[in-house]
N, C-alpha and C. Protein backbone atom coordinates (compact mmCIF):
# COMPACT_ATOMS: atom_id res chain seq x y z
N MET A 1 65.04 17.82 66.40
CA MET A 1 64.89 17.43 65.01
C MET A 1 65.73 16.18 64.72
N VAL A 2 65.19 15.34 63.85
CA VAL A 2 65.93 14.19 63.32
C VAL A 2 66.18 14.51 61.85
N GLU A 3 67.44 14.73 61.50
CA GLU A 3 67.77 15.25 60.18
C GLU A 3 68.23 14.16 59.22
N ALA A 4 67.91 14.34 57.95
CA ALA A 4 68.41 13.47 56.88
C ALA A 4 68.85 14.33 55.71
N GLU A 5 69.96 13.98 55.12
CA GLU A 5 70.47 14.69 53.93
C GLU A 5 71.01 13.62 52.99
N ALA A 6 70.61 13.67 51.72
CA ALA A 6 70.96 12.60 50.79
C ALA A 6 71.42 13.16 49.46
N ALA A 7 72.59 12.70 49.01
CA ALA A 7 73.14 13.11 47.72
C ALA A 7 72.34 12.51 46.57
N TRP A 8 72.25 13.28 45.50
CA TRP A 8 71.64 12.84 44.23
C TRP A 8 70.14 12.61 44.31
N MET A 9 69.50 13.00 45.37
CA MET A 9 68.04 12.88 45.46
C MET A 9 67.37 14.20 45.11
N ASP A 10 66.23 14.11 44.38
CA ASP A 10 65.45 15.30 44.10
C ASP A 10 64.26 15.36 45.04
N LEU A 11 63.33 16.29 44.79
CA LEU A 11 62.20 16.48 45.70
C LEU A 11 61.36 15.22 45.84
N HIS A 12 61.07 14.57 44.73
CA HIS A 12 60.27 13.35 44.78
C HIS A 12 60.97 12.27 45.60
N ASP A 13 62.26 12.08 45.33
CA ASP A 13 63.02 11.04 46.04
C ASP A 13 63.02 11.27 47.55
N ILE A 14 63.27 12.51 47.95
CA ILE A 14 63.44 12.79 49.38
C ILE A 14 62.12 12.72 50.12
N SER A 15 61.03 13.16 49.49
CA SER A 15 59.73 13.09 50.16
C SER A 15 59.26 11.64 50.28
N GLU A 16 59.59 10.81 49.28
CA GLU A 16 59.24 9.39 49.38
C GLU A 16 60.06 8.70 50.46
N LEU A 17 61.33 9.11 50.60
CA LEU A 17 62.16 8.55 51.66
C LEU A 17 61.59 8.90 53.03
N ALA A 18 61.10 10.13 53.19
CA ALA A 18 60.49 10.53 54.46
C ALA A 18 59.26 9.69 54.76
N LYS A 19 58.46 9.41 53.75
CA LYS A 19 57.30 8.54 53.94
C LYS A 19 57.74 7.15 54.42
N GLU A 20 58.74 6.59 53.74
CA GLU A 20 59.21 5.26 54.10
C GLU A 20 59.71 5.20 55.54
N GLU A 21 60.45 6.24 55.94
CA GLU A 21 61.00 6.26 57.30
C GLU A 21 59.88 6.32 58.34
N LEU A 22 58.90 7.21 58.12
CA LEU A 22 57.81 7.35 59.08
C LEU A 22 56.93 6.11 59.10
N LYS A 23 56.70 5.51 57.94
CA LYS A 23 55.89 4.28 57.90
C LYS A 23 56.58 3.16 58.68
N TYR A 24 57.89 3.05 58.51
CA TYR A 24 58.65 2.03 59.23
C TYR A 24 58.52 2.23 60.74
N CYS A 25 58.71 3.49 61.18
CA CYS A 25 58.62 3.79 62.62
C CYS A 25 57.22 3.49 63.15
N LEU A 26 56.22 3.89 62.38
CA LEU A 26 54.83 3.67 62.80
C LEU A 26 54.52 2.19 62.93
N ALA A 27 54.90 1.41 61.93
CA ALA A 27 54.64 -0.03 61.96
C ALA A 27 55.38 -0.71 63.11
N LYS A 28 56.62 -0.28 63.34
CA LYS A 28 57.43 -0.89 64.40
C LYS A 28 56.85 -0.61 65.79
N VAL A 29 56.45 0.63 66.00
CA VAL A 29 55.88 1.00 67.30
C VAL A 29 54.55 0.27 67.51
N ALA A 30 53.72 0.22 66.47
CA ALA A 30 52.43 -0.47 66.58
C ALA A 30 52.60 -1.95 66.88
N GLU A 31 53.70 -2.52 66.35
CA GLU A 31 53.97 -3.94 66.56
C GLU A 31 54.52 -4.23 67.95
N GLU A 32 55.46 -3.39 68.41
CA GLU A 32 56.18 -3.68 69.64
C GLU A 32 55.61 -3.01 70.89
N CYS A 33 54.76 -2.01 70.71
CA CYS A 33 54.25 -1.27 71.88
C CYS A 33 52.72 -1.25 71.90
N GLU A 34 52.12 -2.35 71.50
CA GLU A 34 50.66 -2.40 71.39
C GLU A 34 49.97 -2.11 72.71
N GLU A 35 50.43 -2.73 73.78
CA GLU A 35 49.78 -2.55 75.08
C GLU A 35 49.92 -1.11 75.58
N GLU A 36 51.10 -0.54 75.39
CA GLU A 36 51.32 0.84 75.82
C GLU A 36 50.43 1.81 75.05
N LEU A 37 50.29 1.58 73.73
CA LEU A 37 49.45 2.45 72.91
C LEU A 37 47.98 2.34 73.32
N LYS A 38 47.54 1.12 73.62
CA LYS A 38 46.16 0.93 74.07
C LYS A 38 45.92 1.65 75.39
N LEU A 39 46.93 1.61 76.27
CA LEU A 39 46.83 2.30 77.55
C LEU A 39 46.64 3.81 77.35
N LEU A 40 47.25 4.32 76.29
CA LEU A 40 47.15 5.75 75.97
C LEU A 40 45.88 6.09 75.19
N GLY A 41 45.09 5.08 74.88
CA GLY A 41 43.84 5.31 74.17
C GLY A 41 43.97 5.35 72.67
N GLN A 42 45.09 4.86 72.14
CA GLN A 42 45.32 4.87 70.71
C GLN A 42 44.75 3.61 70.07
N ASP A 43 44.22 3.76 68.87
CA ASP A 43 43.69 2.65 68.08
C ASP A 43 44.85 2.01 67.32
N VAL A 44 45.37 0.91 67.83
CA VAL A 44 46.56 0.29 67.25
C VAL A 44 46.29 -0.24 65.85
N GLU A 45 45.12 -0.82 65.63
CA GLU A 45 44.79 -1.34 64.30
C GLU A 45 44.74 -0.21 63.27
N LYS A 46 44.29 0.95 63.69
CA LYS A 46 44.28 2.10 62.79
C LYS A 46 45.70 2.50 62.40
N LEU A 47 46.61 2.50 63.37
CA LEU A 47 48.00 2.83 63.08
C LEU A 47 48.62 1.83 62.11
N LYS A 48 48.32 0.56 62.32
CA LYS A 48 48.84 -0.47 61.41
C LYS A 48 48.29 -0.28 60.01
N ARG A 49 47.02 0.09 59.92
CA ARG A 49 46.40 0.33 58.62
C ARG A 49 47.04 1.54 57.93
N ILE A 50 47.28 2.58 58.69
CA ILE A 50 47.91 3.77 58.13
C ILE A 50 49.31 3.46 57.62
N ALA A 51 50.06 2.66 58.39
CA ALA A 51 51.42 2.30 58.00
C ALA A 51 51.45 1.50 56.71
N ALA A 52 50.39 0.77 56.44
CA ALA A 52 50.34 -0.10 55.26
C ALA A 52 49.64 0.57 54.07
N THR A 53 49.21 1.81 54.24
CA THR A 53 48.45 2.52 53.21
C THR A 53 49.34 3.51 52.46
N GLU A 54 49.00 3.76 51.21
CA GLU A 54 49.71 4.77 50.42
C GLU A 54 49.41 6.16 50.98
N TRP A 55 50.45 6.95 51.20
CA TRP A 55 50.25 8.33 51.69
C TRP A 55 50.31 9.28 50.51
N PRO A 56 49.30 10.10 50.33
CA PRO A 56 49.26 10.97 49.15
C PRO A 56 50.26 12.11 49.18
N THR A 57 50.61 12.56 47.99
CA THR A 57 51.41 13.78 47.81
C THR A 57 50.58 14.74 46.97
N ILE A 58 50.37 15.94 47.48
CA ILE A 58 49.62 16.95 46.74
C ILE A 58 50.39 18.27 46.76
N LYS A 59 50.09 19.13 45.81
CA LYS A 59 50.76 20.43 45.75
C LYS A 59 50.03 21.45 46.62
N TYR A 60 50.76 22.46 47.02
CA TYR A 60 50.20 23.57 47.81
C TYR A 60 48.96 24.16 47.14
N ARG A 61 49.03 24.32 45.82
CA ARG A 61 47.88 24.88 45.10
C ARG A 61 46.65 23.98 45.23
N GLU A 62 46.85 22.68 45.29
CA GLU A 62 45.72 21.76 45.48
C GLU A 62 45.15 21.90 46.88
N VAL A 63 46.00 22.16 47.87
CA VAL A 63 45.52 22.41 49.23
C VAL A 63 44.61 23.62 49.24
N LEU A 64 45.02 24.69 48.56
CA LEU A 64 44.18 25.89 48.50
C LEU A 64 42.82 25.59 47.88
N LYS A 65 42.83 24.73 46.86
CA LYS A 65 41.58 24.34 46.20
C LYS A 65 40.67 23.56 47.15
N ILE A 66 41.26 22.62 47.92
CA ILE A 66 40.49 21.84 48.89
C ILE A 66 39.89 22.76 49.95
N LEU A 67 40.69 23.69 50.44
CA LEU A 67 40.23 24.61 51.48
C LEU A 67 39.07 25.46 50.99
N LYS A 68 39.16 25.90 49.73
CA LYS A 68 38.10 26.77 49.19
C LYS A 68 36.83 25.99 48.89
N GLU A 69 36.97 24.83 48.23
CA GLU A 69 35.80 24.09 47.77
C GLU A 69 35.12 23.29 48.88
N LYS A 70 35.90 22.77 49.85
CA LYS A 70 35.32 21.90 50.87
C LYS A 70 35.20 22.56 52.24
N LYS A 71 35.98 23.61 52.48
CA LYS A 71 35.97 24.23 53.81
C LYS A 71 35.54 25.69 53.78
N GLY A 72 35.31 26.25 52.59
CA GLY A 72 34.89 27.64 52.49
C GLY A 72 35.94 28.64 52.91
N MET A 73 37.21 28.25 52.83
CA MET A 73 38.31 29.13 53.23
C MET A 73 39.06 29.59 51.99
N ASP A 74 39.05 30.87 51.74
CA ASP A 74 39.70 31.43 50.55
C ASP A 74 41.09 31.94 50.93
N VAL A 75 42.08 31.06 50.79
CA VAL A 75 43.47 31.41 51.15
C VAL A 75 44.21 31.80 49.88
N PRO A 76 44.76 33.01 49.80
CA PRO A 76 45.45 33.44 48.58
C PRO A 76 46.79 32.75 48.39
N PHE A 77 47.17 32.55 47.14
CA PHE A 77 48.49 31.98 46.86
C PHE A 77 49.56 32.94 47.38
N GLY A 78 50.56 32.37 48.02
CA GLY A 78 51.63 33.20 48.57
C GLY A 78 51.58 33.27 50.09
N LYS A 79 50.50 32.76 50.68
CA LYS A 79 50.38 32.77 52.13
C LYS A 79 50.77 31.40 52.67
N ASP A 80 51.64 31.36 53.66
CA ASP A 80 52.02 30.09 54.27
C ASP A 80 50.82 29.53 55.03
N LEU A 81 50.74 28.22 55.11
CA LEU A 81 49.62 27.58 55.80
C LEU A 81 49.79 27.70 57.31
N ARG A 82 48.76 28.17 57.97
CA ARG A 82 48.76 28.26 59.42
C ARG A 82 48.21 26.95 60.00
N THR A 83 48.25 26.85 61.32
CA THR A 83 47.74 25.66 61.99
C THR A 83 46.29 25.38 61.62
N ILE A 84 45.46 26.42 61.57
CA ILE A 84 44.04 26.24 61.29
C ILE A 84 43.83 25.68 59.89
N GLU A 85 44.61 26.15 58.91
CA GLU A 85 44.46 25.65 57.54
C GLU A 85 44.95 24.21 57.42
N GLU A 86 46.04 23.91 58.13
CA GLU A 86 46.55 22.53 58.12
C GLU A 86 45.54 21.58 58.74
N GLU A 87 44.93 21.99 59.85
CA GLU A 87 43.94 21.14 60.51
C GLU A 87 42.73 20.92 59.62
N LYS A 88 42.26 21.96 58.96
CA LYS A 88 41.08 21.85 58.11
C LYS A 88 41.31 20.93 56.92
N VAL A 89 42.45 21.08 56.25
CA VAL A 89 42.70 20.22 55.08
C VAL A 89 42.89 18.78 55.51
N MET A 90 43.48 18.56 56.69
CA MET A 90 43.73 17.19 57.13
C MET A 90 42.47 16.49 57.62
N GLU A 91 41.37 17.21 57.75
CA GLU A 91 40.09 16.56 58.04
C GLU A 91 39.65 15.68 56.87
N GLU A 92 40.26 15.89 55.71
CA GLU A 92 39.91 15.12 54.51
C GLU A 92 40.76 13.86 54.36
N PHE A 93 41.71 13.64 55.26
CA PHE A 93 42.63 12.51 55.12
C PHE A 93 42.78 11.75 56.44
N GLU A 94 42.96 10.43 56.34
CA GLU A 94 43.24 9.62 57.53
C GLU A 94 44.73 9.43 57.72
N THR A 95 45.48 9.41 56.61
CA THR A 95 46.93 9.21 56.66
C THR A 95 47.65 10.55 56.61
N PRO A 96 48.94 10.57 56.96
CA PRO A 96 49.74 11.78 56.70
C PRO A 96 49.73 12.12 55.21
N VAL A 97 49.94 13.39 54.92
CA VAL A 97 49.95 13.88 53.54
C VAL A 97 51.20 14.73 53.32
N VAL A 98 51.86 14.51 52.19
CA VAL A 98 52.99 15.35 51.81
C VAL A 98 52.47 16.48 50.93
N VAL A 99 52.74 17.72 51.34
CA VAL A 99 52.36 18.90 50.56
C VAL A 99 53.62 19.51 49.96
N THR A 100 53.66 19.63 48.65
CA THR A 100 54.85 20.14 47.96
C THR A 100 54.60 21.49 47.30
N HIS A 101 55.67 22.10 46.83
CA HIS A 101 55.62 23.30 45.98
C HIS A 101 54.94 24.49 46.66
N TYR A 102 55.41 24.80 47.86
CA TYR A 102 54.96 26.03 48.51
C TYR A 102 55.49 27.24 47.76
N PRO A 103 54.88 28.42 47.95
CA PRO A 103 55.35 29.63 47.25
C PRO A 103 56.79 29.97 47.63
N VAL A 104 57.59 30.32 46.64
CA VAL A 104 58.98 30.69 46.86
C VAL A 104 59.09 31.83 47.87
N GLU A 105 58.17 32.78 47.80
CA GLU A 105 58.27 33.99 48.61
C GLU A 105 58.17 33.74 50.12
N VAL A 106 57.63 32.60 50.52
CA VAL A 106 57.53 32.32 51.96
C VAL A 106 58.47 31.19 52.39
N MET A 107 59.35 30.78 51.48
CA MET A 107 60.28 29.71 51.78
C MET A 107 61.70 30.23 51.98
N ALA A 108 62.53 29.44 52.65
CA ALA A 108 63.93 29.81 52.91
C ALA A 108 64.71 29.89 51.59
N PHE A 109 65.77 30.67 51.61
CA PHE A 109 66.54 30.97 50.41
C PHE A 109 67.17 29.74 49.76
N TYR A 110 67.40 28.67 50.53
CA TYR A 110 68.08 27.49 50.00
C TYR A 110 67.12 26.48 49.36
N LYS A 111 65.84 26.81 49.35
CA LYS A 111 64.86 25.95 48.68
C LYS A 111 64.66 26.46 47.26
N PRO A 112 65.10 25.70 46.25
CA PRO A 112 65.16 26.23 44.89
C PRO A 112 63.80 26.39 44.23
N ARG A 113 63.79 27.23 43.22
CA ARG A 113 62.59 27.41 42.41
C ARG A 113 62.38 26.19 41.52
N ASP A 114 61.14 25.88 41.26
CA ASP A 114 60.82 24.87 40.26
C ASP A 114 61.03 25.50 38.89
N PRO A 115 61.89 24.93 38.04
CA PRO A 115 62.16 25.52 36.72
C PRO A 115 60.90 25.71 35.89
N GLU A 116 59.91 24.83 36.07
CA GLU A 116 58.68 24.93 35.29
C GLU A 116 57.69 25.95 35.87
N PHE A 117 57.76 26.15 37.20
CA PHE A 117 56.86 27.09 37.87
C PHE A 117 57.70 27.93 38.83
N PRO A 118 58.30 29.02 38.34
CA PRO A 118 59.27 29.80 39.14
C PRO A 118 58.72 30.39 40.42
N ASP A 119 57.40 30.46 40.57
CA ASP A 119 56.84 31.00 41.82
C ASP A 119 56.66 29.91 42.87
N GLU A 120 57.03 28.66 42.53
CA GLU A 120 56.92 27.54 43.46
C GLU A 120 58.30 27.02 43.83
N ALA A 121 58.45 26.59 45.07
CA ALA A 121 59.73 26.06 45.54
C ALA A 121 59.68 24.53 45.55
N LEU A 122 60.83 23.93 45.33
CA LEU A 122 60.94 22.47 45.36
C LEU A 122 61.12 22.02 46.81
N CYS A 123 60.02 22.06 47.54
CA CYS A 123 60.05 21.78 48.98
C CYS A 123 58.80 21.01 49.38
N PHE A 124 58.79 20.52 50.62
CA PHE A 124 57.60 19.81 51.09
C PHE A 124 57.47 19.89 52.60
N ASP A 125 56.24 19.76 53.05
CA ASP A 125 55.92 19.51 54.45
C ASP A 125 55.10 18.24 54.50
N MET A 126 55.24 17.47 55.57
CA MET A 126 54.37 16.33 55.79
C MET A 126 53.45 16.67 56.95
N LEU A 127 52.14 16.60 56.71
CA LEU A 127 51.14 16.93 57.72
C LEU A 127 50.53 15.66 58.27
N ALA A 128 50.38 15.62 59.59
CA ALA A 128 49.76 14.47 60.25
C ALA A 128 48.27 14.71 60.42
N PRO A 129 47.48 13.63 60.45
CA PRO A 129 46.03 13.78 60.65
C PRO A 129 45.69 14.09 62.10
N GLU A 130 44.42 14.34 62.34
CA GLU A 130 43.86 14.52 63.69
C GLU A 130 44.43 15.74 64.41
N GLY A 131 44.82 16.75 63.64
CA GLY A 131 45.22 18.02 64.24
C GLY A 131 46.64 18.08 64.76
N TYR A 132 47.50 17.13 64.38
CA TYR A 132 48.88 17.14 64.89
C TYR A 132 49.83 17.95 64.02
N GLY A 133 49.34 18.45 62.88
CA GLY A 133 50.09 19.42 62.10
C GLY A 133 51.33 18.88 61.40
N GLU A 134 52.26 19.79 61.14
CA GLU A 134 53.48 19.45 60.40
C GLU A 134 54.39 18.57 61.25
N ILE A 135 54.82 17.44 60.67
CA ILE A 135 55.74 16.56 61.39
C ILE A 135 57.07 16.40 60.66
N VAL A 136 57.12 16.78 59.38
CA VAL A 136 58.37 16.75 58.61
C VAL A 136 58.40 17.96 57.70
N GLY A 137 59.58 18.54 57.54
CA GLY A 137 59.77 19.62 56.58
C GLY A 137 61.06 19.40 55.84
N GLY A 138 61.03 19.54 54.51
CA GLY A 138 62.26 19.31 53.75
C GLY A 138 62.20 19.94 52.37
N SER A 139 63.28 19.72 51.62
CA SER A 139 63.34 20.30 50.27
C SER A 139 64.50 19.73 49.49
N GLN A 140 64.42 19.92 48.20
CA GLN A 140 65.61 19.82 47.38
C GLN A 140 66.46 21.03 47.76
N ARG A 141 67.77 20.94 47.70
CA ARG A 141 68.62 22.06 48.09
C ARG A 141 69.11 22.80 46.86
N SER A 142 69.07 24.11 46.93
CA SER A 142 69.47 24.93 45.79
C SER A 142 70.97 24.82 45.52
N MET A 143 71.31 24.76 44.23
CA MET A 143 72.71 24.79 43.81
C MET A 143 73.03 26.11 43.11
N ASP A 144 72.04 27.00 43.03
CA ASP A 144 72.17 28.26 42.32
C ASP A 144 72.58 29.37 43.30
N VAL A 145 73.87 29.63 43.38
CA VAL A 145 74.40 30.59 44.34
C VAL A 145 73.85 32.00 44.09
N GLU A 146 73.78 32.40 42.83
CA GLU A 146 73.32 33.75 42.52
C GLU A 146 71.87 33.96 42.90
N ASP A 147 71.04 32.96 42.69
CA ASP A 147 69.63 33.06 43.09
C ASP A 147 69.51 33.15 44.60
N MET A 148 70.31 32.36 45.32
CA MET A 148 70.27 32.41 46.78
C MET A 148 70.71 33.78 47.29
N LYS A 149 71.73 34.35 46.67
CA LYS A 149 72.19 35.68 47.07
C LYS A 149 71.10 36.72 46.86
N ALA A 150 70.44 36.65 45.70
CA ALA A 150 69.39 37.62 45.38
C ALA A 150 68.24 37.52 46.37
N ARG A 151 67.89 36.32 46.75
CA ARG A 151 66.78 36.15 47.69
C ARG A 151 67.15 36.62 49.09
N LEU A 152 68.38 36.41 49.50
CA LEU A 152 68.83 36.91 50.80
C LEU A 152 68.85 38.43 50.82
N GLU A 153 69.33 39.03 49.74
CA GLU A 153 69.36 40.49 49.66
C GLU A 153 67.95 41.07 49.70
N ALA A 154 67.01 40.39 49.05
CA ALA A 154 65.62 40.84 49.06
C ALA A 154 65.02 40.81 50.46
N GLU A 155 65.56 39.92 51.31
CA GLU A 155 65.10 39.81 52.69
C GLU A 155 65.86 40.75 53.63
N GLY A 156 66.80 41.51 53.07
CA GLY A 156 67.57 42.44 53.88
C GLY A 156 68.74 41.81 54.61
N GLU A 157 69.14 40.61 54.20
CA GLU A 157 70.25 39.92 54.85
C GLU A 157 71.60 40.36 54.26
N ASP A 158 72.64 40.26 55.07
CA ASP A 158 74.00 40.53 54.62
C ASP A 158 74.55 39.25 54.01
N VAL A 159 74.70 39.25 52.69
CA VAL A 159 75.11 38.05 51.97
C VAL A 159 76.47 37.54 52.45
N ALA A 160 77.32 38.45 52.90
CA ALA A 160 78.67 38.06 53.36
C ALA A 160 78.61 37.06 54.51
N ASN A 161 77.54 37.10 55.29
CA ASN A 161 77.41 36.17 56.42
C ASN A 161 77.18 34.73 55.97
N TYR A 162 76.89 34.57 54.70
CA TYR A 162 76.57 33.23 54.17
C TYR A 162 77.65 32.70 53.23
N SER A 163 78.80 33.34 53.22
CA SER A 163 79.86 32.93 52.30
C SER A 163 80.27 31.47 52.52
N TRP A 164 80.28 31.04 53.78
CA TRP A 164 80.64 29.65 54.09
C TRP A 164 79.64 28.68 53.46
N TYR A 165 78.37 29.08 53.41
CA TYR A 165 77.33 28.21 52.86
C TYR A 165 77.49 28.10 51.34
N PHE A 166 77.82 29.23 50.70
CA PHE A 166 78.01 29.20 49.25
C PHE A 166 79.25 28.40 48.88
N ASP A 167 80.25 28.41 49.76
CA ASP A 167 81.46 27.61 49.50
C ASP A 167 81.14 26.12 49.43
N LEU A 168 80.12 25.69 50.17
CA LEU A 168 79.71 24.29 50.11
C LEU A 168 79.24 23.90 48.72
N ARG A 169 78.74 24.88 47.98
CA ARG A 169 78.30 24.63 46.61
C ARG A 169 79.47 24.70 45.63
N LYS A 170 80.40 25.57 45.92
CA LYS A 170 81.51 25.82 44.97
C LYS A 170 82.57 24.72 44.99
N TYR A 171 82.79 24.11 46.16
CA TYR A 171 83.92 23.20 46.31
C TYR A 171 83.45 21.78 46.63
N GLY A 172 83.04 21.08 45.59
CA GLY A 172 82.74 19.67 45.74
C GLY A 172 81.31 19.32 46.06
N GLY A 173 80.41 20.31 46.11
CA GLY A 173 79.02 20.00 46.41
C GLY A 173 78.34 19.26 45.27
N VAL A 174 77.42 18.38 45.59
CA VAL A 174 76.65 17.66 44.57
C VAL A 174 75.16 17.93 44.81
N PRO A 175 74.32 17.77 43.79
CA PRO A 175 72.88 17.95 44.00
C PRO A 175 72.39 17.05 45.13
N HIS A 176 71.59 17.61 46.02
CA HIS A 176 71.14 16.85 47.17
C HIS A 176 69.85 17.42 47.73
N SER A 177 69.24 16.66 48.62
CA SER A 177 68.00 17.06 49.27
C SER A 177 68.03 16.61 50.73
N GLY A 178 67.13 17.16 51.52
CA GLY A 178 67.10 16.76 52.92
C GLY A 178 65.80 17.13 53.60
N TYR A 179 65.66 16.65 54.83
CA TYR A 179 64.48 16.98 55.61
C TYR A 179 64.78 16.86 57.10
N GLY A 180 63.89 17.43 57.89
CA GLY A 180 63.97 17.32 59.34
C GLY A 180 62.64 16.82 59.89
N ILE A 181 62.71 15.84 60.78
CA ILE A 181 61.52 15.29 61.43
C ILE A 181 61.39 15.90 62.82
N GLY A 182 60.22 16.39 63.14
CA GLY A 182 59.94 16.85 64.49
C GLY A 182 59.65 15.63 65.37
N ALA A 183 60.67 15.11 66.03
CA ALA A 183 60.53 13.84 66.76
C ALA A 183 59.40 13.87 67.79
N GLU A 184 59.33 14.95 68.57
CA GLU A 184 58.29 15.03 69.59
C GLU A 184 56.90 15.11 68.96
N ARG A 185 56.79 15.77 67.81
CA ARG A 185 55.50 15.86 67.13
C ARG A 185 55.05 14.49 66.66
N VAL A 186 55.99 13.70 66.14
CA VAL A 186 55.66 12.35 65.69
C VAL A 186 55.23 11.48 66.86
N VAL A 187 55.95 11.58 67.97
CA VAL A 187 55.59 10.82 69.17
C VAL A 187 54.20 11.22 69.67
N ALA A 188 53.94 12.53 69.67
CA ALA A 188 52.63 13.01 70.13
C ALA A 188 51.51 12.45 69.27
N TRP A 189 51.73 12.41 67.94
CA TRP A 189 50.71 11.88 67.03
C TRP A 189 50.51 10.38 67.25
N ILE A 190 51.60 9.63 67.25
CA ILE A 190 51.50 8.17 67.40
C ILE A 190 50.86 7.79 68.74
N CYS A 191 51.21 8.51 69.78
CA CYS A 191 50.72 8.17 71.13
C CYS A 191 49.41 8.86 71.49
N LYS A 192 48.89 9.66 70.57
CA LYS A 192 47.62 10.35 70.78
C LYS A 192 47.66 11.23 72.04
N LEU A 193 48.73 12.00 72.16
CA LEU A 193 48.91 12.85 73.33
C LEU A 193 48.18 14.19 73.15
N ASP A 194 47.70 14.73 74.24
CA ASP A 194 46.97 16.00 74.19
C ASP A 194 47.90 17.20 74.05
N ASN A 195 49.11 17.07 74.57
CA ASN A 195 50.04 18.20 74.56
C ASN A 195 51.43 17.70 74.21
N ILE A 196 52.11 18.43 73.33
CA ILE A 196 53.44 17.99 72.89
C ILE A 196 54.44 17.95 74.05
N LYS A 197 54.17 18.70 75.10
CA LYS A 197 55.08 18.67 76.26
C LYS A 197 55.18 17.27 76.86
N GLU A 198 54.13 16.46 76.68
CA GLU A 198 54.15 15.10 77.19
C GLU A 198 55.10 14.21 76.40
N ALA A 199 55.55 14.68 75.22
CA ALA A 199 56.46 13.90 74.39
C ALA A 199 57.90 14.39 74.48
N ILE A 200 58.13 15.41 75.30
CA ILE A 200 59.46 16.00 75.44
C ILE A 200 60.06 15.56 76.78
N PRO A 201 61.25 14.98 76.78
CA PRO A 201 61.84 14.51 78.05
C PRO A 201 61.99 15.61 79.10
N PHE A 202 62.42 16.80 78.68
CA PHE A 202 62.63 17.89 79.64
C PHE A 202 61.98 19.16 79.11
N PRO A 203 60.64 19.23 79.14
CA PRO A 203 59.94 20.40 78.59
C PRO A 203 60.16 21.66 79.41
N ARG A 204 60.14 22.78 78.74
CA ARG A 204 60.21 24.07 79.41
C ARG A 204 58.80 24.49 79.80
N THR A 205 58.61 24.91 81.04
CA THR A 205 57.31 25.38 81.51
C THR A 205 57.53 26.66 82.28
N MET A 206 56.43 27.24 82.76
CA MET A 206 56.53 28.47 83.56
C MET A 206 57.33 28.24 84.83
N LEU A 207 57.31 27.00 85.34
CA LEU A 207 57.99 26.70 86.60
C LEU A 207 59.28 25.90 86.39
N ARG A 208 59.53 25.48 85.16
CA ARG A 208 60.76 24.71 84.91
C ARG A 208 61.48 25.26 83.69
N TRP A 209 62.50 26.07 83.95
CA TRP A 209 63.25 26.72 82.85
C TRP A 209 64.73 26.39 82.90
N LYS A 210 65.17 25.56 83.84
CA LYS A 210 66.56 25.13 83.89
C LYS A 210 66.62 23.71 84.42
N PRO A 211 67.63 22.91 84.18
CA PRO A 211 68.84 23.32 83.43
C PRO A 211 68.53 23.51 81.96
């Protein structure tokens, strides 16, 4: 993972930052590694076009609507998107798409509720086109210690194990957001690789499990 954490940013700020970072990487690779990408069978002009295009942001509920109306898939609210649903919705887009406001019930305890829609979390995933799936995941970070405790208890967790995390909020913490980029997933998408193992320097296989 390539991690980013930024003070004073909300969900919109952090998801836009993720777009900017990935666009920069995409444009740079397309510019400096054109011959290598062509060797791999990638359409370099397409990558340059994607890097220069606006990437949409849509809500989870809109994804469900697209799946139902255009793909005939009736996915109930509250269900996390599987690979098949991500692939189907991304058939409608050429560029990566940021999906926000997943259901609170399937999100980690530190992803806060949207004050206007308490069943939605202030979080996002970035999905890549052509079946490469989620390449970035992030969120605004919760500052509500009591809500985080309640959600952990509902999951059967021992809240005492997270005291150090709550201390980060109590002693000098400021509102912030962050995300993690799946570096190998991004490389696989940009290079049009068939298997993510080709993007990992030391992949684990049935015959290679050490060091």
